[in-house]
């Protein structure tokens, strides 16, 4: 009688969910006071940091970061601005030890997708894969 070993393939990709969108105050088009921008960025970054510390997390030397933004309506949105707005979240991933650094050598921007779902909105779903 032979035994077959079932080996589950290790998927190093992780998913982190934050129950808010990247702050509009961090947009390059925002004209708010620096203290308002700082407070909004800290609030968002802290949520990403604490959520990231709860997942079993590998450390990525080089990674591809993709975003899915869950919004409540069909308004027009400039997707390029969301990467800038996500800067506090990217810094939080570095602080949490998931990413080595957030520079061009270590991180590539993956896809950014907007999903309209009023029941789940607002939410940011971050997927990190080995790059």
N, C-alpha and C. Protein backbone atom coordinates (compact mmCIF):
# COMPACT_ATOMS: atom_id res chain seq x y z
N UNK A 1 0.83 -1.16 0.00
CA UNK A 1 0.00 0.00 0.00
C UNK A 1 0.89 1.24 0.00
N UNK A 2 0.61 2.12 -0.89
CA UNK A 2 1.40 3.35 -0.95
C UNK A 2 0.60 4.50 -0.37
N UNK A 3 1.32 5.40 0.19
CA UNK A 3 0.68 6.59 0.74
C UNK A 3 1.01 7.78 -0.14
N UNK A 4 0.04 8.58 -0.35
CA UNK A 4 0.25 9.79 -1.14
C UNK A 4 0.25 10.97 -0.19
N UNK A 5 1.26 11.74 -0.27
CA UNK A 5 1.34 12.94 0.58
C UNK A 5 0.78 14.12 -0.20
N UNK A 6 -0.14 14.78 0.41
CA UNK A 6 -0.70 15.98 -0.20
C UNK A 6 0.03 17.18 0.37
N UNK A 7 0.73 17.86 -0.47
CA UNK A 7 1.49 19.02 -0.05
C UNK A 7 0.75 20.25 -0.54
N UNK A 8 0.38 21.07 0.40
CA UNK A 8 -0.29 22.31 0.02
C UNK A 8 0.78 23.30 -0.41
N UNK A 9 0.61 23.83 -1.59
CA UNK A 9 1.56 24.81 -2.12
C UNK A 9 1.45 26.10 -1.31
N UNK A 10 2.57 26.63 -0.90
CA UNK A 10 2.59 27.87 -0.11
C UNK A 10 2.39 29.07 -1.02
N UNK A 11 1.38 29.85 -0.73
CA UNK A 11 1.11 31.06 -1.50
C UNK A 11 1.60 32.24 -0.68
N UNK A 12 2.70 32.86 -1.09
CA UNK A 12 3.25 33.95 -0.29
C UNK A 12 2.48 35.26 -0.41
N UNK A 13 1.42 35.29 -1.21
CA UNK A 13 0.64 36.52 -1.34
C UNK A 13 -0.22 36.70 -0.09
N UNK A 14 -0.35 37.94 0.34
CA UNK A 14 -1.22 38.22 1.48
C UNK A 14 -2.21 39.31 1.08
N UNK A 15 -3.34 39.33 1.77
CA UNK A 15 -4.38 40.31 1.54
C UNK A 15 -4.70 41.01 2.84
N UNK A 16 -4.76 42.32 2.77
CA UNK A 16 -5.07 43.15 3.94
C UNK A 16 -6.26 44.02 3.57
N UNK A 17 -7.24 44.10 4.48
CA UNK A 17 -8.42 44.93 4.23
C UNK A 17 -8.46 46.06 5.25
N UNK A 18 -8.67 47.26 4.75
CA UNK A 18 -8.86 48.44 5.60
C UNK A 18 -10.25 48.98 5.30
N UNK A 19 -10.98 49.32 6.34
CA UNK A 19 -12.36 49.74 6.16
C UNK A 19 -12.49 51.26 6.00
N UNK A 20 -11.64 51.78 5.15
CA UNK A 20 -11.71 53.16 4.69
C UNK A 20 -10.90 53.27 3.41
N UNK A 21 -11.15 54.31 2.65
CA UNK A 21 -10.38 54.56 1.44
C UNK A 21 -9.15 55.38 1.79
N UNK A 22 -8.13 55.36 0.93
CA UNK A 22 -7.00 56.26 1.16
C UNK A 22 -7.51 57.69 1.29
N UNK A 23 -6.97 58.45 2.23
CA UNK A 23 -7.53 59.78 2.52
C UNK A 23 -7.41 60.76 1.36
N UNK A 24 -8.52 61.44 1.10
CA UNK A 24 -8.55 62.47 0.05
C UNK A 24 -7.62 63.62 0.39
N UNK A 25 -7.37 63.82 1.67
CA UNK A 25 -6.47 64.90 2.09
C UNK A 25 -5.04 64.66 1.60
N UNK A 26 -4.69 63.42 1.30
CA UNK A 26 -3.34 63.09 0.82
C UNK A 26 -3.23 63.14 -0.70
N UNK A 27 -4.29 63.53 -1.36
CA UNK A 27 -4.28 63.66 -2.81
C UNK A 27 -3.41 64.84 -3.22
N UNK A 28 -2.73 64.74 -4.36
CA UNK A 28 -1.94 65.89 -4.82
C UNK A 28 -2.82 67.10 -5.17
N UNK A 29 -4.12 66.87 -5.36
CA UNK A 29 -5.03 67.97 -5.66
C UNK A 29 -5.62 68.62 -4.42
N UNK A 30 -5.34 68.07 -3.25
CA UNK A 30 -5.90 68.60 -2.01
C UNK A 30 -5.22 69.91 -1.64
N UNK A 31 -6.00 70.83 -1.14
CA UNK A 31 -5.47 72.13 -0.72
C UNK A 31 -5.74 72.35 0.77
N UNK A 32 -5.70 71.27 1.54
CA UNK A 32 -5.98 71.40 2.96
C UNK A 32 -4.70 71.78 3.72
N UNK A 33 -4.88 72.17 4.96
CA UNK A 33 -3.77 72.53 5.84
C UNK A 33 -2.93 71.28 6.11
N UNK A 34 -1.64 71.45 6.32
CA UNK A 34 -0.75 70.30 6.50
C UNK A 34 -1.14 69.46 7.71
N UNK A 35 -1.68 70.08 8.75
CA UNK A 35 -2.03 69.32 9.95
C UNK A 35 -3.25 68.42 9.70
N UNK A 36 -4.17 68.86 8.85
CA UNK A 36 -5.33 68.05 8.48
C UNK A 36 -4.85 66.85 7.65
N UNK A 37 -3.94 67.11 6.73
CA UNK A 37 -3.36 66.04 5.90
C UNK A 37 -2.62 65.03 6.77
N UNK A 38 -1.85 65.51 7.73
CA UNK A 38 -1.09 64.63 8.63
C UNK A 38 -2.02 63.76 9.47
N UNK A 39 -3.05 64.36 10.02
CA UNK A 39 -4.00 63.62 10.86
C UNK A 39 -4.71 62.53 10.06
N UNK A 40 -5.15 62.86 8.86
CA UNK A 40 -5.84 61.88 8.01
C UNK A 40 -4.89 60.76 7.59
N UNK A 41 -3.66 61.11 7.24
CA UNK A 41 -2.67 60.10 6.85
C UNK A 41 -2.30 59.19 8.01
N UNK A 42 -2.16 59.76 9.20
CA UNK A 42 -1.85 58.95 10.38
C UNK A 42 -2.98 57.99 10.72
N UNK A 43 -4.21 58.47 10.62
CA UNK A 43 -5.36 57.63 10.91
C UNK A 43 -5.41 56.44 9.96
N UNK A 44 -5.24 56.70 8.67
CA UNK A 44 -5.28 55.63 7.66
C UNK A 44 -4.08 54.69 7.82
N UNK A 45 -2.90 55.26 7.99
CA UNK A 45 -1.70 54.45 8.15
C UNK A 45 -1.76 53.56 9.38
N UNK A 46 -2.32 54.06 10.48
CA UNK A 46 -2.43 53.24 11.68
C UNK A 46 -3.38 52.07 11.48
N UNK A 47 -4.48 52.28 10.76
CA UNK A 47 -5.38 51.16 10.49
C UNK A 47 -4.68 50.09 9.65
N UNK A 48 -3.95 50.50 8.63
CA UNK A 48 -3.21 49.54 7.80
C UNK A 48 -2.17 48.82 8.65
N UNK A 49 -1.44 49.56 9.47
CA UNK A 49 -0.38 48.97 10.30
C UNK A 49 -0.95 47.91 11.25
N UNK A 50 -1.99 48.27 11.99
CA UNK A 50 -2.54 47.32 12.97
C UNK A 50 -3.20 46.13 12.31
N UNK A 51 -3.82 46.33 11.17
CA UNK A 51 -4.39 45.20 10.44
C UNK A 51 -3.29 44.30 9.89
N UNK A 52 -2.21 44.90 9.40
CA UNK A 52 -1.09 44.13 8.84
C UNK A 52 -0.38 43.31 9.91
N UNK A 53 -0.34 43.81 11.13
CA UNK A 53 0.34 43.05 12.19
C UNK A 53 -0.49 41.85 12.64
N UNK A 54 -1.78 41.81 12.30
CA UNK A 54 -2.63 40.69 12.68
C UNK A 54 -2.53 39.51 11.73
N UNK A 55 -2.15 39.75 10.47
CA UNK A 55 -2.06 38.65 9.51
C UNK A 55 -0.72 37.95 9.68
N UNK A 56 -0.70 36.65 9.35
CA UNK A 56 0.59 35.97 9.35
C UNK A 56 1.34 36.50 8.15
N UNK A 57 2.39 37.19 8.40
CA UNK A 57 2.99 37.97 7.33
C UNK A 57 4.41 37.53 7.00
N UNK A 58 4.62 37.24 5.76
CA UNK A 58 6.00 37.05 5.34
C UNK A 58 6.65 38.42 5.14
N UNK A 59 7.93 38.43 5.07
CA UNK A 59 8.67 39.66 4.79
C UNK A 59 9.04 39.63 3.31
N UNK A 60 8.61 40.65 2.57
CA UNK A 60 8.89 40.71 1.14
C UNK A 60 10.06 41.64 0.88
N UNK A 61 11.10 41.12 0.25
CA UNK A 61 12.21 41.98 -0.16
C UNK A 61 11.80 42.77 -1.39
N UNK A 62 11.20 42.09 -2.36
CA UNK A 62 10.67 42.74 -3.56
C UNK A 62 9.22 42.29 -3.68
N UNK A 63 8.33 43.25 -3.93
CA UNK A 63 6.91 42.92 -3.92
C UNK A 63 6.16 43.72 -4.98
N UNK A 64 4.99 43.18 -5.34
CA UNK A 64 4.04 43.87 -6.19
C UNK A 64 2.81 44.14 -5.34
N UNK A 65 2.43 45.40 -5.23
CA UNK A 65 1.30 45.80 -4.41
C UNK A 65 0.16 46.21 -5.33
N UNK A 66 -0.99 45.54 -5.18
CA UNK A 66 -2.19 45.85 -5.96
C UNK A 66 -3.28 46.33 -5.01
N UNK A 67 -4.13 47.22 -5.50
CA UNK A 67 -5.21 47.78 -4.69
C UNK A 67 -6.56 47.50 -5.34
N UNK A 68 -7.53 47.22 -4.50
CA UNK A 68 -8.93 47.21 -4.92
C UNK A 68 -9.65 48.18 -3.99
N UNK A 69 -10.28 49.17 -4.58
CA UNK A 69 -10.99 50.19 -3.82
C UNK A 69 -12.48 49.93 -3.95
N UNK A 70 -13.14 49.72 -2.83
CA UNK A 70 -14.57 49.47 -2.83
C UNK A 70 -15.26 50.78 -2.48
N UNK A 71 -16.04 51.30 -3.42
CA UNK A 71 -16.70 52.60 -3.26
C UNK A 71 -18.21 52.41 -3.34
N UNK A 72 -18.96 53.45 -2.93
CA UNK A 72 -20.41 53.32 -2.87
C UNK A 72 -21.14 53.83 -4.11
N UNK A 73 -20.45 54.58 -4.99
CA UNK A 73 -21.15 55.14 -6.15
C UNK A 73 -20.26 55.13 -7.39
N UNK A 74 -20.82 55.53 -8.51
CA UNK A 74 -20.14 55.47 -9.81
C UNK A 74 -19.47 56.79 -10.20
N UNK A 75 -19.08 57.62 -9.25
CA UNK A 75 -18.45 58.89 -9.62
C UNK A 75 -17.14 58.65 -10.38
N UNK A 76 -16.76 59.63 -11.17
CA UNK A 76 -15.48 59.54 -11.88
C UNK A 76 -14.35 59.73 -10.87
N UNK A 77 -13.33 58.90 -11.01
CA UNK A 77 -12.19 58.96 -10.11
C UNK A 77 -10.91 58.86 -10.92
N UNK A 78 -9.91 59.61 -10.50
CA UNK A 78 -8.60 59.57 -11.14
C UNK A 78 -7.76 58.52 -10.42
N UNK A 79 -7.53 57.39 -11.06
CA UNK A 79 -6.84 56.28 -10.41
C UNK A 79 -5.40 56.60 -10.06
N UNK A 80 -4.75 57.47 -10.84
CA UNK A 80 -3.36 57.83 -10.53
C UNK A 80 -3.25 58.50 -9.16
N UNK A 81 -4.26 59.28 -8.80
CA UNK A 81 -4.22 59.95 -7.51
C UNK A 81 -4.34 58.98 -6.34
N UNK A 82 -4.94 57.82 -6.56
CA UNK A 82 -5.09 56.86 -5.47
C UNK A 82 -3.74 56.31 -5.01
N UNK A 83 -2.78 56.18 -5.92
CA UNK A 83 -1.46 55.72 -5.49
C UNK A 83 -0.81 56.76 -4.57
N UNK A 84 -0.98 58.03 -4.88
CA UNK A 84 -0.45 59.08 -4.02
C UNK A 84 -1.19 59.10 -2.69
N UNK A 85 -2.50 58.95 -2.76
CA UNK A 85 -3.30 58.93 -1.54
C UNK A 85 -2.96 57.72 -0.67
N UNK A 86 -2.46 56.64 -1.27
CA UNK A 86 -2.12 55.42 -0.54
C UNK A 86 -0.77 55.49 0.16
N UNK A 87 -0.02 56.56 0.00
CA UNK A 87 1.33 56.69 0.58
C UNK A 87 1.36 56.38 2.08
N UNK A 88 0.44 56.88 2.91
CA UNK A 88 0.48 56.50 4.33
C UNK A 88 0.30 55.00 4.55
N UNK A 89 -0.49 54.34 3.69
CA UNK A 89 -0.66 52.90 3.79
C UNK A 89 0.60 52.15 3.41
N UNK A 90 1.29 52.62 2.38
CA UNK A 90 2.55 51.99 1.97
C UNK A 90 3.60 52.14 3.07
N UNK A 91 3.67 53.32 3.68
CA UNK A 91 4.60 53.53 4.79
C UNK A 91 4.26 52.60 5.96
N UNK A 92 2.98 52.37 6.20
CA UNK A 92 2.56 51.48 7.29
C UNK A 92 2.97 50.04 7.01
N UNK A 93 2.94 49.61 5.75
CA UNK A 93 3.38 48.26 5.41
C UNK A 93 4.88 48.09 5.65
N UNK A 94 5.64 49.14 5.44
CA UNK A 94 7.08 49.10 5.74
C UNK A 94 7.29 49.05 7.25
N UNK A 95 6.54 49.88 7.99
CA UNK A 95 6.65 49.90 9.45
C UNK A 95 6.28 48.56 10.06
N UNK A 96 5.28 47.88 9.47
CA UNK A 96 4.83 46.58 9.98
C UNK A 96 5.81 45.46 9.65
N UNK A 97 6.79 45.73 8.79
CA UNK A 97 7.79 44.73 8.45
C UNK A 97 7.40 43.82 7.31
N UNK A 98 6.33 44.15 6.60
CA UNK A 98 5.91 43.32 5.47
C UNK A 98 6.75 43.64 4.24
N UNK A 99 7.00 44.92 4.02
CA UNK A 99 7.83 45.35 2.89
C UNK A 99 9.20 45.80 3.40
N UNK A 100 10.22 45.49 2.62
CA UNK A 100 11.58 45.93 2.95
C UNK A 100 11.67 47.45 2.92
N UNK A 101 11.17 48.03 1.84
CA UNK A 101 11.18 49.48 1.65
C UNK A 101 10.12 49.78 0.61
N UNK A 102 9.75 51.06 0.48
CA UNK A 102 8.73 51.41 -0.51
C UNK A 102 9.31 52.17 -1.69
N UNK A 103 10.58 51.96 -1.97
CA UNK A 103 11.19 52.62 -3.12
C UNK A 103 11.02 51.77 -4.39
N UNK A 104 11.49 52.31 -5.52
CA UNK A 104 11.33 51.65 -6.82
C UNK A 104 12.04 50.31 -6.90
N UNK A 105 13.10 50.16 -6.15
CA UNK A 105 13.87 48.91 -6.19
C UNK A 105 13.12 47.76 -5.53
N UNK A 106 12.29 48.06 -4.53
CA UNK A 106 11.65 47.02 -3.74
C UNK A 106 10.16 46.83 -4.03
N UNK A 107 9.47 47.84 -4.55
CA UNK A 107 8.02 47.75 -4.73
C UNK A 107 7.63 48.17 -6.14
N UNK A 108 6.76 47.38 -6.73
CA UNK A 108 6.15 47.74 -8.01
C UNK A 108 4.66 47.93 -7.77
N UNK A 109 4.09 48.91 -8.44
CA UNK A 109 2.65 49.10 -8.35
C UNK A 109 1.98 48.11 -9.29
N UNK A 110 1.06 47.34 -8.74
CA UNK A 110 0.30 46.40 -9.55
C UNK A 110 -0.96 47.07 -10.06
N UNK A 111 -1.99 46.28 -10.23
CA UNK A 111 -3.26 46.79 -10.71
C UNK A 111 -3.95 47.61 -9.63
N UNK A 112 -4.75 48.55 -10.07
CA UNK A 112 -5.65 49.26 -9.17
C UNK A 112 -7.04 49.12 -9.77
N UNK A 113 -7.96 48.66 -8.96
CA UNK A 113 -9.29 48.34 -9.44
C UNK A 113 -10.31 49.02 -8.54
N UNK A 114 -11.36 49.54 -9.12
CA UNK A 114 -12.44 50.16 -8.36
C UNK A 114 -13.68 49.29 -8.49
N UNK A 115 -14.24 48.90 -7.36
CA UNK A 115 -15.45 48.10 -7.32
C UNK A 115 -16.55 48.91 -6.65
N UNK A 116 -17.71 48.99 -7.29
CA UNK A 116 -18.85 49.70 -6.71
C UNK A 116 -19.70 48.68 -5.96
N UNK A 117 -19.76 48.84 -4.63
CA UNK A 117 -20.54 47.95 -3.78
C UNK A 117 -20.95 48.75 -2.53
N UNK A 118 -22.14 49.36 -2.55
CA UNK A 118 -22.54 50.19 -1.43
C UNK A 118 -22.60 49.45 -0.09
N UNK A 119 -22.82 48.14 -0.12
CA UNK A 119 -22.92 47.38 1.13
C UNK A 119 -21.56 47.24 1.83
N UNK A 120 -20.48 47.13 1.08
CA UNK A 120 -19.15 46.95 1.68
C UNK A 120 -18.34 48.24 1.77
N UNK A 121 -18.75 49.27 1.06
CA UNK A 121 -17.96 50.51 0.98
C UNK A 121 -18.00 51.26 2.30
N UNK A 122 -16.98 52.02 2.61
CA UNK A 122 -15.69 52.15 1.91
C UNK A 122 -14.70 51.10 2.41
N UNK A 123 -13.86 50.62 1.52
CA UNK A 123 -12.87 49.62 1.87
C UNK A 123 -11.71 49.66 0.88
N UNK A 124 -10.51 49.41 1.39
CA UNK A 124 -9.33 49.23 0.57
C UNK A 124 -8.84 47.81 0.77
N UNK A 125 -8.71 47.05 -0.30
CA UNK A 125 -8.18 45.69 -0.23
C UNK A 125 -6.80 45.72 -0.87
N UNK A 126 -5.80 45.39 -0.08
CA UNK A 126 -4.41 45.44 -0.52
C UNK A 126 -3.91 44.01 -0.71
N UNK A 127 -3.41 43.72 -1.89
CA UNK A 127 -2.84 42.40 -2.15
C UNK A 127 -1.35 42.58 -2.41
N UNK A 128 -0.55 41.82 -1.69
CA UNK A 128 0.91 41.91 -1.80
C UNK A 128 1.43 40.55 -2.24
N UNK A 129 2.19 40.54 -3.33
CA UNK A 129 2.77 39.31 -3.87
C UNK A 129 4.28 39.48 -4.00
N UNK A 130 4.95 38.35 -4.03
CA UNK A 130 6.40 38.38 -4.28
C UNK A 130 6.64 38.93 -5.66
N UNK A 131 7.61 39.85 -5.78
CA UNK A 131 7.81 40.51 -7.07
C UNK A 131 9.06 40.17 -7.74
